[in-house]
Protein backbone atom coordinates (compact mmCIF):
# COMPACT_ATOMS: atom_id res chain seq x y z
CA LEU A 1 26.90 109.68 294.08
CA GLY A 2 26.13 111.43 297.29
CA ASN A 3 28.35 109.67 299.90
CA SER A 4 30.02 107.80 297.25
CA GLN A 5 32.14 105.71 299.59
CA GLU A 6 29.50 104.32 301.21
CA VAL A 7 27.09 103.59 298.12
CA ILE A 8 29.72 102.00 296.45
CA GLU A 9 30.48 99.53 299.18
CA HIS A 10 26.59 98.87 299.63
CA LYS A 11 26.20 98.22 295.71
CA THR A 12 29.46 96.01 295.80
CA ASN A 13 28.14 93.78 298.81
CA GLU A 14 24.79 94.03 296.66
CA VAL A 15 26.36 92.36 293.69
CA ILE A 16 29.02 89.93 295.28
CA ALA A 17 25.76 88.07 296.79
CA LYS A 18 24.69 87.61 293.59
CA SER A 19 28.19 87.17 291.65
CA SER A 20 29.58 83.50 290.67
CA TYR A 21 32.48 82.10 292.42
CA ILE A 22 34.49 79.44 292.85
CA SER A 23 34.29 77.42 295.66
CA PRO A 24 36.92 75.60 297.89
CA GLU A 25 37.09 72.75 295.70
CA GLY A 26 37.33 74.66 292.57
CA THR A 27 34.02 74.24 291.46
CA LEU A 28 32.70 77.18 289.66
CA ILE A 29 29.25 78.42 291.29
CA ASP A 30 27.39 80.26 288.33
CA ASP A 31 23.74 79.07 288.20
CA THR A 32 22.46 82.50 289.94
CA PRO A 33 19.98 84.60 287.70
CA ALA A 34 21.93 87.45 286.33
CA PRO A 35 22.89 90.01 288.69
CA THR A 36 21.15 93.43 289.13
CA SER A 37 21.17 96.02 291.76
CA SER A 38 18.12 98.51 292.65
CA LEU A 39 20.66 101.03 293.69
CA SER A 40 22.33 101.04 290.22
CA PRO A 41 20.68 102.92 286.70
CA ALA A 42 20.01 100.50 284.42
CA VAL A 43 23.27 99.14 282.28
CA ASN A 44 21.90 99.38 278.81
CA LEU A 45 23.07 96.41 276.55
CA THR A 46 22.61 95.46 272.76
CA PRO A 47 20.94 92.20 272.18
CA LYS A 48 24.13 90.55 271.95
CA GLU A 49 25.19 91.46 275.35
CA TYR A 50 21.83 90.43 276.91
CA SER A 51 22.40 87.07 275.22
CA ILE A 52 25.52 86.76 276.39
CA LEU A 53 25.00 87.64 280.20
CA HIS A 54 22.41 85.40 280.32
CA GLY A 55 23.55 82.06 278.67
CA LYS A 56 21.65 82.53 275.56
CA ASP A 57 22.08 81.98 271.54
CA GLY A 58 25.07 79.73 271.74
CA ALA A 59 26.86 81.83 274.23
CA THR A 60 29.25 79.75 276.49
CA LYS A 61 29.57 79.25 279.81
CA ALA A 62 32.98 81.03 280.00
CA GLN A 63 31.50 83.89 277.78
CA GLN A 64 28.53 84.42 280.49
CA ILE A 65 31.02 84.46 283.40
CA ALA A 66 33.05 87.03 281.83
CA MET A 67 29.89 89.30 280.47
CA ARG A 68 28.75 88.80 284.62
CA THR A 69 32.11 90.13 285.57
CA ILE A 70 31.71 93.27 283.30
CA TYR A 71 28.51 93.51 283.56
CA GLN A 72 28.72 93.65 287.85
CA ILE A 73 31.73 96.60 287.38
CA ALA A 74 29.71 98.55 285.41
CA GLN A 75 26.93 98.32 288.21
CA ILE A 76 29.57 99.34 291.08
CA THR A 77 30.68 102.30 288.92
CA SER A 78 27.48 103.40 287.68
CA SER A 79 28.24 102.98 284.39
CA THR A 80 25.19 102.44 282.13
CA ARG A 81 26.78 100.99 278.85
CA LEU A 82 28.78 98.87 277.85
CA LEU A 83 31.62 99.60 274.98
CA PRO A 84 33.48 97.00 272.60
CA ILE A 85 37.07 96.90 272.42
CA THR A 86 39.79 95.98 269.66
CA GLN A 87 42.43 94.04 271.66
CA SER A 88 43.16 93.08 275.09
CA HIS A 89 46.67 93.22 277.22
CA ILE A 90 46.67 90.40 280.13
CA ASP A 91 48.31 91.49 283.44
CA GLY A 92 47.10 88.38 285.20
CA CYS A 93 49.31 85.85 283.81
CA THR A 94 51.93 86.22 286.17
CA TYR A 95 52.10 83.13 288.66
CA ILE A 96 51.06 84.27 292.39
CA GLY A 97 49.39 81.08 293.26
CA PRO A 98 47.17 77.99 292.56
CA GLY A 99 44.04 80.19 292.55
CA GLY A 100 44.73 82.10 289.83
CA LEU A 101 45.83 78.98 287.58
CA GLN A 102 42.45 77.18 288.39
CA PHE A 103 40.45 80.19 287.49
CA VAL A 104 41.93 80.19 283.77
CA LYS A 105 41.66 76.64 283.71
CA ILE A 106 37.91 76.52 284.59
CA LEU A 107 37.56 79.36 281.80
CA LYS A 108 38.83 76.86 279.41
CA GLU A 109 36.86 74.02 280.53
CA LYS A 110 33.60 76.29 279.90
CA ASP A 111 34.83 76.61 276.48
CA GLY A 112 36.60 79.90 277.25
CA LYS A 113 38.08 81.91 273.98
CA VAL A 114 39.49 85.40 273.76
CA SER A 115 37.02 87.21 271.21
CA VAL A 116 39.71 89.92 270.63
CA PRO A 117 43.50 89.95 269.57
CA THR A 118 44.72 89.21 273.22
CA THR A 119 48.56 89.60 274.22
CA LEU A 120 50.29 88.48 277.79
CA ASN A 121 52.28 90.13 279.95
CA SER A 122 55.69 89.29 281.81
CA VAL A 123 55.22 85.95 283.20
CA SER A 124 57.22 84.52 285.85
CA ALA A 125 60.50 82.93 284.41
CA ASP A 126 62.20 82.33 280.71
CA ARG A 127 59.61 80.16 279.34
CA ARG A 128 62.57 78.33 277.54
CA ARG A 129 65.75 79.12 279.58
CA TRP A 130 64.43 79.06 283.08
CA LEU A 131 66.91 75.72 283.64
CA THR A 132 69.85 77.38 282.40
CA LEU A 133 69.11 80.66 284.18
CA GLY A 134 68.99 78.78 287.72
CA VAL A 135 65.15 79.26 288.38
CA ASP A 136 64.17 76.62 290.61
CA GLU A 137 61.33 73.80 289.09
CA SER A 138 59.01 74.62 291.50
CA HIS A 139 58.59 77.92 290.35
CA ALA A 140 58.98 77.65 286.67
CA ILE A 141 56.85 74.59 285.94
CA PRO A 142 53.96 76.39 287.49
CA SER A 143 54.74 79.31 285.92
CA ASN A 144 54.84 77.78 282.43
CA ALA A 145 51.56 76.06 283.48
CA LEU A 146 49.64 79.24 283.77
CA GLY A 147 51.12 80.67 280.33
CA ASP A 148 49.99 77.85 278.94
CA ALA A 149 46.38 78.08 280.16
CA TYR A 150 46.24 81.30 278.87
CA LEU A 151 47.60 80.42 275.47
CA ALA A 152 44.92 77.67 275.19
CA LEU A 153 42.47 80.18 275.84
CA GLY A 154 43.47 82.15 272.57
CA CYS A 155 45.68 84.32 273.76
CA THR A 156 48.69 85.20 271.20
CA PHE A 157 51.92 83.05 271.27
CA ASP A 158 55.23 84.08 272.13
CA SER A 159 53.87 88.01 273.17
CA PHE A 160 54.76 87.51 277.20
CA THR A 161 55.98 91.16 277.32
CA CYS A 162 55.36 94.13 279.38
CA ALA A 163 55.92 96.32 276.10
CA PRO A 164 53.01 95.47 274.11
CA TYR A 165 53.47 97.97 271.84
CA LEU A 166 56.88 96.82 270.73
CA LEU A 167 55.46 93.50 269.21
CA GLY A 168 54.89 95.36 265.84
CA GLU A 169 52.54 97.24 263.63
CA GLU A 170 49.50 94.81 264.20
CA THR A 171 49.50 94.51 267.67
CA ILE A 172 49.58 99.00 268.30
CA PRO A 173 45.95 100.09 269.07
CA LYS A 174 44.97 103.30 266.74
CA LYS A 175 44.11 106.73 268.43
CA GLY A 176 40.99 106.34 269.87
CA GLU A 177 40.02 103.26 270.20
CA ASN A 178 38.74 101.22 272.92
CA ILE A 179 41.34 98.54 274.37
CA ALA A 180 41.78 96.47 277.73
CA TRP A 181 45.09 96.68 278.99
CA GLY A 182 46.81 95.59 282.10
CA GLU A 183 50.53 96.60 283.10
CA SER A 184 50.99 100.05 284.40
CA ASN A 185 53.61 101.14 281.63
CA ALA A 186 51.77 100.09 279.05
CA VAL A 187 48.51 101.30 279.76
CA VAL A 188 50.26 105.09 280.64
CA TYR A 189 51.71 104.62 277.26
CA ALA A 190 48.94 103.64 275.38
CA ASN A 191 46.67 106.41 276.47
CA SER A 192 49.54 108.85 276.60
CA MET A 193 51.64 108.32 273.48
CA ILE A 194 49.21 106.56 271.31
CA GLY A 195 45.76 108.34 272.16
CA ALA A 196 44.10 104.72 272.55
CA LYS A 197 41.47 104.66 275.61
CA THR A 198 42.13 102.08 278.46
CA GLU A 199 41.97 102.12 282.18
CA LYS A 200 44.65 100.25 284.38
CA TYR A 201 42.34 97.15 284.39
CA ALA A 202 42.91 94.53 287.32
CA ASP A 203 44.30 90.69 286.87
CA TYR A 204 41.36 88.49 286.30
CA PHE A 205 38.81 91.30 285.05
CA ASP A 206 41.42 91.61 282.02
CA ILE A 207 40.52 88.12 280.55
CA CYS A 208 37.10 88.50 281.43
CA ALA A 209 37.04 91.75 279.06
CA ALA A 210 39.22 89.81 276.53
CA ILE A 211 36.53 86.99 276.64
CA ALA A 212 33.36 89.20 276.63
CA GLY A 213 34.96 92.09 274.34
CA ARG A 214 33.55 94.73 276.11
CA VAL A 215 34.61 96.86 279.06
CA PRO A 216 31.99 99.42 281.19
CA ALA A 217 31.92 102.95 279.78
CA LEU A 218 33.81 104.60 282.44
CA GLY A 219 36.91 106.50 283.37
CA VAL A 220 39.33 107.60 280.59
CA HIS A 221 37.29 105.38 278.13
CA LEU A 222 35.21 108.66 277.93
CA ASP A 223 36.48 112.03 276.21
CA GLU A 224 35.41 114.06 279.55
CA ASN A 225 37.41 112.39 281.42
CA ARG A 226 40.40 112.31 279.80
CA LYS A 227 41.14 116.40 280.46
CA ALA A 228 43.82 117.44 282.74
CA GLY A 229 43.14 117.88 286.51
CA VAL A 230 46.37 119.81 287.34
CA ILE A 231 49.34 121.66 285.68
CA LEU A 232 53.04 120.87 285.92
CA ASP A 233 54.71 123.32 284.98
CA ALA A 234 58.78 122.33 284.20
CA THR A 235 59.17 125.01 281.43
CA ASP A 236 61.67 127.34 283.46
CA MET A 237 63.49 124.24 284.81
CA ILE A 238 64.15 122.75 281.42
CA ARG A 239 64.96 126.09 279.85
CA CYS A 240 67.56 126.53 282.43
CA HIS A 241 69.00 123.17 283.15
CA VAL A 242 68.13 120.86 280.17
CA ILE A 243 68.57 123.09 277.13
CA PRO A 244 71.99 124.56 278.44
CA SER A 245 73.13 121.24 279.11
CA LEU A 246 72.43 120.21 275.55
CA GLU A 247 73.82 123.37 273.80
CA GLN A 248 76.84 122.70 275.84
CA LYS A 249 77.19 118.67 274.64
CA LYS A 250 76.79 120.22 271.11
CA LYS A 251 79.67 122.83 271.15
CA LYS A 252 82.17 121.14 273.46
CA ASN A 253 85.10 119.91 272.10
CA LYS A 254 86.03 116.51 272.70
CA ASP A 255 88.70 115.72 274.96
CA GLU A 256 91.24 113.75 272.93
CA GLU A 257 92.80 111.54 275.89
CA TYR A 258 89.20 109.39 275.95
CA THR A 259 87.10 107.70 273.66
CA ASP A 260 83.89 108.77 275.61
CA HIS A 261 81.35 109.59 273.00
CA HIS A 262 79.91 106.13 272.90
CA TYR A 263 79.01 106.74 276.27
CA ASP A 264 77.45 110.01 276.86
CA ASP A 265 75.64 110.18 273.38
CA ASP A 266 72.58 110.23 275.03
CA ASP A 267 73.11 113.34 277.37
CA GLY A 268 71.98 111.25 279.92
CA LEU A 269 68.41 112.00 278.85
CA ASP A 270 67.18 108.65 279.37
CA ALA A 271 67.52 109.07 283.21
CA PHE A 272 66.24 112.40 282.76
CA PHE A 273 62.81 111.25 281.22
CA ALA A 274 62.26 108.58 283.84
CA THR A 275 63.25 110.88 286.52
CA LEU A 276 61.20 113.52 285.30
CA GLY A 277 58.19 110.96 285.12
CA TYR A 278 58.72 109.89 288.56
CA VAL A 279 58.20 113.20 289.76
CA CYS A 280 55.14 114.03 287.78
CA GLY A 281 53.60 111.09 289.19
CA ASN A 282 54.54 112.11 292.78
CA LEU A 283 53.20 115.81 291.88
CA SER A 284 50.23 114.77 290.21
CA ASP A 285 47.88 113.62 293.17
CA GLY A 286 45.81 111.24 291.58
CA LYS A 287 45.43 113.56 288.68
CA ILE A 288 45.37 113.45 284.98
CA PRO A 289 48.68 116.14 284.51
CA LEU A 290 49.13 118.16 281.86
CA LEU A 291 52.99 118.73 281.30
CA LEU A 292 54.38 122.05 280.20
CA GLY A 293 58.21 122.71 278.69
CA VAL A 294 59.20 119.45 277.29
CA ASP A 295 58.61 120.96 273.73
CA GLN A 296 61.75 123.00 274.53
CA ILE A 297 63.86 119.75 273.84
CA PRO A 298 65.00 119.12 270.14
CA LYS A 299 62.20 116.68 268.71
CA ASP A 300 64.81 114.43 267.94
CA LYS A 301 65.98 114.07 271.41
CA VAL A 302 62.60 113.12 272.71
CA SER A 303 62.27 109.44 271.49
CA ASN A 304 59.69 107.01 272.06
CA ASP A 305 62.63 105.05 273.95
CA TYR A 306 62.83 108.13 276.51
CA MET A 307 59.13 108.38 276.51
CA LYS A 308 58.65 104.58 277.51
CA ALA A 309 61.03 105.21 280.65
CA PHE A 310 59.00 108.43 280.96
CA CYS A 311 55.33 106.71 281.00
CA ALA A 312 56.95 103.22 283.00
CA ALA A 313 58.17 105.95 285.96
CA PHE A 314 54.74 108.03 285.71
CA GLY A 315 52.92 104.93 286.26
CA THR A 316 54.76 103.52 289.10
CA THR A 317 53.99 107.01 291.39
CA GLY A 318 51.03 108.10 289.45
CA ALA A 319 47.47 107.03 289.97
CA ALA A 320 46.22 108.09 286.76
CA PRO A 321 46.35 106.06 283.61
CA LEU A 322 47.34 109.19 281.15
CA ILE A 323 49.32 112.20 281.20
CA HIS A 324 49.21 114.96 278.70
CA VAL A 325 52.61 115.87 277.71
CA ALA A 326 52.14 119.44 275.36
CA GLY A 327 53.80 118.80 272.05
CA VAL A 328 54.47 115.49 272.75
CA THR A 329 51.90 113.01 273.57
CA ALA A 330 49.03 112.13 271.25
CA GLU A 331 46.18 114.34 272.16
CA ALA A 332 48.63 116.91 273.13
CA MET A 333 49.90 117.43 269.83
CA ASP A 334 46.60 119.99 269.32
CA LYS A 335 47.69 123.19 270.47
CA THR A 336 43.76 124.29 270.69
CA TYR A 337 43.13 121.18 273.11
CA VAL A 338 45.80 122.26 275.07
CA LYS A 339 45.08 125.63 275.62
CA ALA A 340 41.37 124.89 276.22
CA MET A 341 42.61 122.64 279.21
CA ILE A 342 45.03 125.43 280.79
CA ASP A 343 42.36 127.78 280.52
CA ASP A 344 39.84 125.72 282.22
CA LEU A 345 42.45 125.25 285.22
CA VAL A 346 43.56 128.65 285.39
CA GLU A 347 40.01 129.38 285.54
CA GLY A 348 39.33 127.10 288.01
CA ASP A 349 41.97 128.37 290.56
CA LYS A 350 40.54 132.20 290.07
CA LYS A 351 37.12 130.87 290.85
CA LYS A 352 38.70 129.40 294.42
CA VAL A 353 40.23 132.31 295.24
CA LYS A 354 37.09 134.77 294.32
CA GLU A 355 34.81 132.29 296.48
CA ASN A 356 37.76 132.17 299.33
CA LYS A 357 38.29 136.13 299.51
CA ASN A 358 38.00 136.03 302.94
CA ASP A 359 39.93 133.02 303.77
CA LYS A 360 43.63 133.12 302.45
CA THR A 361 44.06 129.86 303.57
CA GLN A 362 41.45 128.14 301.28
CA GLN A 363 43.02 130.27 298.45
CA LYS A 364 46.00 128.49 297.26
CA LYS A 365 46.25 127.49 293.84
CA GLU A 366 45.75 123.91 293.25
CA ASN A 367 45.68 123.54 289.80
CA ILE A 368 49.06 124.89 288.72
CA VAL A 369 52.24 123.36 290.51
CA VAL A 370 55.61 124.42 289.22
CA LEU A 371 57.94 121.67 288.65
CA THR A 372 61.56 122.66 290.04
CA GLN A 373 65.21 120.92 289.91
CA ASP A 374 64.72 120.71 293.53
CA HIS A 375 62.05 118.39 292.43
CA MET A 376 64.28 116.49 290.00
CA LEU A 377 67.46 116.39 292.59
CA LYS A 378 65.15 114.66 295.50
CA ALA A 379 63.63 111.94 292.95
CA PHE A 380 67.20 111.23 291.62
CA GLU A 381 68.30 110.76 294.98
CA ALA A 382 64.91 108.98 296.16
CA LEU A 383 65.87 106.48 293.14
CA ASN A 384 69.09 106.14 294.22
CA GLY A 385 68.03 104.72 297.86
CA GLY A 386 67.57 108.26 299.13
CA ALA A 387 69.53 111.57 300.38
CA ASP A 388 71.41 109.40 303.31
CA THR A 389 72.72 106.91 300.69
CA ILE A 390 73.31 109.76 298.47
CA THR A 391 75.75 111.43 300.93
CA SER A 392 77.37 108.31 302.12
CA LEU A 393 78.35 107.56 298.76
CA SER A 394 79.80 110.79 298.21
CA ASN A 395 81.54 110.98 301.19
CA SER A 396 82.87 107.56 300.93
CA GLU A 397 86.60 107.00 298.76
CA PHE A 398 85.61 103.48 297.83
CA ASP A 399 89.44 102.71 296.97
CA VAL A 400 88.89 105.30 294.45
CA ARG A 401 86.83 103.07 291.82
CA GLY A 402 83.44 103.71 293.23
CA GLU A 403 80.77 101.37 295.13
CA LYS A 404 81.15 97.76 294.13
CA ILE A 405 78.25 96.77 291.75
CA ASP A 406 77.13 93.00 291.39
CA LEU A 407 74.45 93.37 288.66
CA VAL A 408 73.34 95.79 286.12
CA ALA A 409 69.82 95.28 285.24
CA LEU A 410 68.51 96.38 281.73
CA GLY A 411 64.91 96.25 280.06
CA ASN A 412 62.35 96.97 282.61
CA PRO A 413 59.93 97.69 280.59
CA HIS A 414 61.72 95.51 278.01
CA LEU A 415 64.11 96.66 275.67
CA SER A 416 62.93 98.04 271.96
CA LEU A 417 64.84 97.14 269.07
CA ALA A 418 66.42 100.77 269.13
CA GLU A 419 67.66 100.44 272.55
CA CYS A 420 69.39 96.99 271.51
CA ALA A 421 71.16 98.61 268.89
CA ARG A 422 72.25 101.50 271.16
CA LEU A 423 73.35 99.01 273.67
CA ALA A 424 75.46 97.12 270.74
CA LYS A 425 77.04 100.78 269.87
CA LEU A 426 77.80 101.67 273.64
CA VAL A 427 79.66 98.12 273.87
CA THR A 428 81.68 98.10 270.61
CA PRO A 429 83.77 101.08 270.41
CA SER A 430 84.16 101.92 266.43
CA SER A 431 87.38 103.01 264.97
CA THR A 432 86.03 103.87 261.70
CA THR A 433 85.98 107.98 262.63
CA ALA A 434 89.03 110.36 262.79
CA ARG A 435 88.38 110.80 266.57
CA ASP A 436 88.45 106.71 266.94
CA ASN A 437 91.78 106.00 265.04
CA ARG A 438 93.37 105.78 268.65
CA ILE A 439 91.62 102.15 269.04
CA THR A 440 94.26 100.88 266.04
CA LYS A 441 96.68 97.92 265.91
CA GLU A 442 98.88 100.32 268.12
CA SER A 443 96.19 100.57 270.89
CA PRO A 444 93.85 97.59 270.35
CA GLY A 445 92.02 97.88 273.52
CA PRO A 446 92.03 96.09 276.63
CA PRO A 447 94.14 92.66 276.68
CA ASN A 448 90.86 90.63 276.83
CA ALA A 449 89.14 92.79 273.72
CA ILE A 450 87.52 90.23 271.48
CA THR A 451 87.59 91.25 267.71
CA ASN A 452 84.90 89.48 265.53
CA ALA A 453 87.31 89.09 262.14
CA SER A 454 84.83 88.91 259.75
CA GLU A 455 82.96 91.89 260.27
CA HIS A 456 85.59 94.16 262.03
CA ILE A 457 83.78 94.48 265.26
CA THR A 458 85.47 94.89 268.42
CA VAL A 459 84.26 94.30 271.60
CA TRP A 460 85.61 95.05 275.47
CA PRO A 461 83.95 92.99 277.50
CA LYS A 462 82.30 93.33 281.19
CA HIS A 463 84.10 93.33 283.93
CA PRO A 464 84.15 89.52 285.28
CA ASP A 465 83.06 90.09 288.31
CA ILE A 466 79.68 91.66 287.52
CA LYS A 467 76.79 90.39 285.89
CA ILE A 468 74.76 92.39 283.04
CA MET A 469 71.16 90.85 282.23
CA ALA A 470 68.73 92.34 279.78
CA THR A 471 65.07 91.47 279.39
CA LEU A 472 63.08 91.82 275.98
CA SER A 473 60.38 90.31 274.37
CA ARG A 474 61.04 87.22 271.86
CA HIS A 475 59.43 89.58 268.80
CA VAL A 476 62.66 91.81 269.66
CA TYR A 477 65.12 89.51 270.83
CA ASN A 478 64.46 87.59 267.10
CA GLN A 479 65.00 91.05 265.41
CA ALA A 480 67.92 91.76 267.34
CA THR A 481 69.63 88.62 266.59
CA LYS A 482 69.10 89.30 262.73
CA LEU A 483 70.50 92.10 262.50
CA GLY A 484 73.82 91.34 264.80
CA TYR A 485 73.00 92.89 267.98
CA VAL A 486 72.70 90.03 270.06
CA HIS A 487 75.81 88.37 268.99
CA GLN A 488 77.74 92.15 270.02
CA LEU A 489 76.23 92.01 273.05
CA LYS A 490 76.89 88.37 274.17
CA GLN A 491 80.08 89.10 273.54
CA PHE A 492 80.27 91.83 276.13
CA GLY A 493 78.95 89.84 278.33
CA VAL A 494 75.06 90.10 278.08
CA GLN A 495 72.90 87.68 279.49
CA PHE A 496 69.34 87.99 277.96
CA ILE A 497 65.99 86.67 279.44
CA ASN A 498 63.08 86.30 277.71
CA ASP A 499 58.98 86.38 278.54
CA THR A 500 59.58 87.76 282.42
CA CYS A 501 61.15 91.26 283.24
CA TRP A 502 62.69 92.27 286.58
CA CYS A 503 59.04 93.20 288.62
CA MET A 504 58.78 89.38 288.39
CA ILE A 505 62.36 88.17 289.13
CA LEU A 506 62.59 88.35 293.00
CA ASP A 507 65.40 85.64 294.26
CA PRO A 508 68.68 84.29 293.74
CA PRO A 509 70.17 82.85 291.00
CA ILE A 510 69.02 85.71 289.10
CA ILE A 511 68.84 88.39 291.77
CA PRO A 512 72.32 88.42 293.72
CA PRO A 513 72.62 86.09 296.96
CA SER A 514 74.42 88.39 299.30
CA LYS A 515 71.95 90.72 300.94
CA ASP A 516 74.63 93.64 300.68
CA ALA A 517 74.66 93.19 296.87
CA VAL A 518 73.97 96.44 294.98
CA THR A 519 72.06 96.33 291.38
CA MET A 520 72.53 99.11 289.06
CA THR A 521 69.39 100.00 286.52
CA ASN A 522 68.46 102.55 284.16
CA SER A 523 64.73 101.99 284.64
CA GLY A 524 63.19 104.32 287.45
CA LYS A 525 60.52 101.66 287.65
CA TYR A 526 63.15 98.96 288.84
CA ALA A 527 64.89 101.77 290.65
CA HIS A 528 61.87 102.38 292.55
CA TYR A 529 60.41 98.76 292.91
CA GLY A 530 63.68 97.00 293.23
CA PRO A 531 64.42 97.16 296.62
CA GLY A 532 61.40 96.11 298.01
CA LEU A 533 60.92 93.66 295.75
CA THR A 534 64.51 91.99 296.09
CA ASN A 535 65.63 93.39 299.55
CA ARG A 536 68.48 94.66 297.30
CA ASN A 537 70.34 98.35 296.77
CA VAL A 538 69.75 100.24 293.93
CA ARG A 539 71.26 102.39 292.11
CA PHE A 540 70.11 104.67 289.09
CA GLY A 541 71.29 106.05 285.70
CA SER A 542 71.89 106.41 282.22
CA MET A 543 72.31 103.58 280.21
CA SER A 544 75.87 104.62 278.97
CA GLN A 545 76.63 104.62 282.50
CA CYS A 546 75.07 101.32 283.28
CA ILE A 547 77.68 100.06 280.26
CA LEU A 548 80.24 101.95 281.87
CA THR A 549 79.84 100.23 285.53
CA ALA A 550 79.62 96.86 283.74
CA ARG A 551 83.16 97.12 282.22
CA SER A 552 84.72 98.72 285.47
CA GLY A 553 82.98 96.41 287.79
CA TYR A 554 82.19 99.99 289.97
CA LEU A 555 79.70 102.40 289.97
CA VAL A 556 80.44 104.87 287.07
CA ARG A 557 79.08 108.37 287.32
CA GLY A 558 81.41 110.70 284.81
CA SER A 559 81.26 110.19 281.00
CA LYS A 560 85.12 110.38 280.50
CA VAL A 561 86.27 107.14 282.25
CA MET A 562 87.58 105.01 279.65
CA LYS A 563 91.16 105.57 278.15
CA ALA A 564 92.37 104.51 274.65
CA ASN A 565 93.55 101.43 275.68
CA GLY A 566 90.85 100.54 277.43
CA SER A 567 91.07 101.05 281.17
CA MET A 568 89.03 103.09 283.37
CA ASN A 569 90.49 106.22 284.44
CA THR A 570 89.79 105.36 288.11
CA SER A 571 90.42 109.14 289.72
CA GLU A 572 87.27 110.41 287.48
CA VAL A 573 85.06 107.66 288.57
CA VAL A 574 83.33 108.94 291.34
CA ARG A 575 85.43 112.13 292.08
CA ASP A 576 84.17 114.26 288.82
CA GLY A 577 81.13 115.21 289.91
CA GLY A 578 80.23 112.52 292.64
CA ILE A 579 76.80 110.61 292.80
CA TYR A 580 75.14 113.03 289.81
CA SER A 581 78.25 113.20 287.45
CA GLY A 582 77.06 112.53 284.04
CA MET A 583 73.88 114.07 284.54
CA THR A 584 74.27 117.38 283.61
CA TRP A 585 70.59 118.65 283.63
CA LEU A 586 70.80 117.68 287.32
CA GLY A 587 73.48 120.58 287.33
CA ALA A 588 76.33 117.93 288.36
CA THR A 589 76.01 118.33 292.36
CA ARG A 590 73.74 119.73 295.26
CA GLY A 591 75.19 122.67 297.34
CA PHE A 592 77.66 125.67 296.89
CA ALA A 593 79.76 124.15 293.82
CA ASN A 594 76.88 123.84 291.72
CA HIS A 595 74.29 126.60 292.44
CA SER A 596 76.26 129.55 293.49
CA TRP A 597 78.88 129.39 291.25
CA ASN A 598 78.36 127.02 288.02
CA PHE A 599 78.74 130.03 285.76
CA LEU A 600 82.24 129.91 286.46
CA PRO A 601 84.38 127.64 284.39
CA ARG A 602 85.74 125.09 286.45
CA LYS A 603 89.67 125.71 286.85
CA VAL A 604 88.71 129.42 287.80
CA PHE A 605 86.25 128.17 290.23
CA PHE A 606 88.75 125.71 292.06
CA THR A 607 91.33 128.44 291.73
CA LEU A 608 89.26 130.69 293.64
CA VAL A 609 88.17 128.52 296.43
CA ARG A 610 92.12 126.81 296.84
CA SER A 611 92.82 130.85 297.21
CA LEU A 612 89.99 131.65 299.83
CA PRO A 613 92.58 131.15 303.15
CA LYS A 614 94.85 133.56 301.53
CA LEU A 615 92.19 136.00 300.86
CA MET A 616 91.01 135.66 303.94
CA SER A 617 94.48 136.62 305.56
CA GLY A 618 95.08 139.35 303.70
CA HIS A 619 97.20 138.34 301.08
CA VAL A 620 96.43 139.07 297.26
CA ILE A 621 95.76 136.37 294.35
CA LYS A 622 98.27 137.13 291.84
């Protein structure tokens, strides 16, 4: 485009001068001719698209407004054609002011109707329970009004979720389909895990695409734009840190003093994948990355839920709407395609070095980035408030128990049915295995344990001073209710929220009122956004650590902290590896003990440390 910024600004101003708009009085000014631009190549329209653009052949005013918007974006981006879409997901349904509500109402007044199946993102409040949850009516009523306005356009009733890919087979697009989705985590998941094609579409453009049934042919809708622009090589990091931790977990004998298998069965992998996604977004520099090395992890350990967390965290820090993960994501399952992308990027680096052979400052290889353990550690620290916070937590005694936590926030993105099942397992110690025979009539659990006599299920409730809340769609909530998971989790003390999610929940009473309050989450996305959205501190860990934290009321990092009688072994809550404990893929802690001597058994290492004074004074270890 030459001086692309100048050209785009010029074309944008020219198009806007001929655009429809809403006057301050709420009147839609739409009687101008269909816009054209002398600087843009012609947008080739089908007869149907042309008729809608010009309001002919029965096209409604709302369809004309929507098509004009699509057409104008096509002009601005130099797209030469439009693409039909099979479905849409609307991100603009969060209430941020009366203008958005007025816009949707006008579309309805102009006979607006979506032309493809269209789901709705999380709105600003639980549409049914807002009063019970203590949400102020000045916030809840306009939020519900906006949701109702979108439903009047024909959007799917009761979707209201940030994870539309969890709503059932009928809502999951097929590989290669063009769709128009908003919501960053959903966009990354659709492009990467499903292989559908969508840009990160903006609020209000998304509903125009749904009504028109079209999007411009641009970005990752085009195959040539879906290729990787940078390689992120995590092969060595995963081989040296993640694989050994999985093998160690598989081989080690369980400590008979604790009933801990419910709390570390994920190996911290949910937190690992969220952290990995966060790092990939930071390192990709706006390009579509190709991540190498994850295929070393056993396939049964790379679940859709972990990739959901990965995609959400990547979408938080990365600008690209797509990431390829070799051997995992839809298009990167093709080894030939992966090899071709690698070859192109390696050749690009070689060409750059050759072209700048006399200038070493320009010879840096930019197409391959080695993802290291240090990247993971720094990201984990950032998600826990930064390095200064980590140091403070590690050096503080916290009355031996750990940092006090006020709220455990789960479900960002919304919980899946599998995650509800896992949570139910985490809060319900089983007495069916030989390992769990310690939880018997002689040792039934804590005094406040709740037993469901009909189902023989015992639930150890959360600590009374902490809230644990989970957001999920009504669809998944209803499924989880039928399977008994909701009942078990409610016995534990979980409060459920539908229709909205944590990135929309900004204020008390759901958010703790104290400015010094601390929230714990297993979401890399919420650990990133939460502090800015709520002005509260946020801590990040695995799902199992979140449940242990909810039970104790204090930040739990180690996994072996629950005694057979249900009490907490508080001496190990923080002291067993500190802030990194339970994240074996992080190597437990930074520093001398972790990096230089981690090949030594723990007891041998500390025996040597205790003996150092004697060694330095000339004594010999006996």
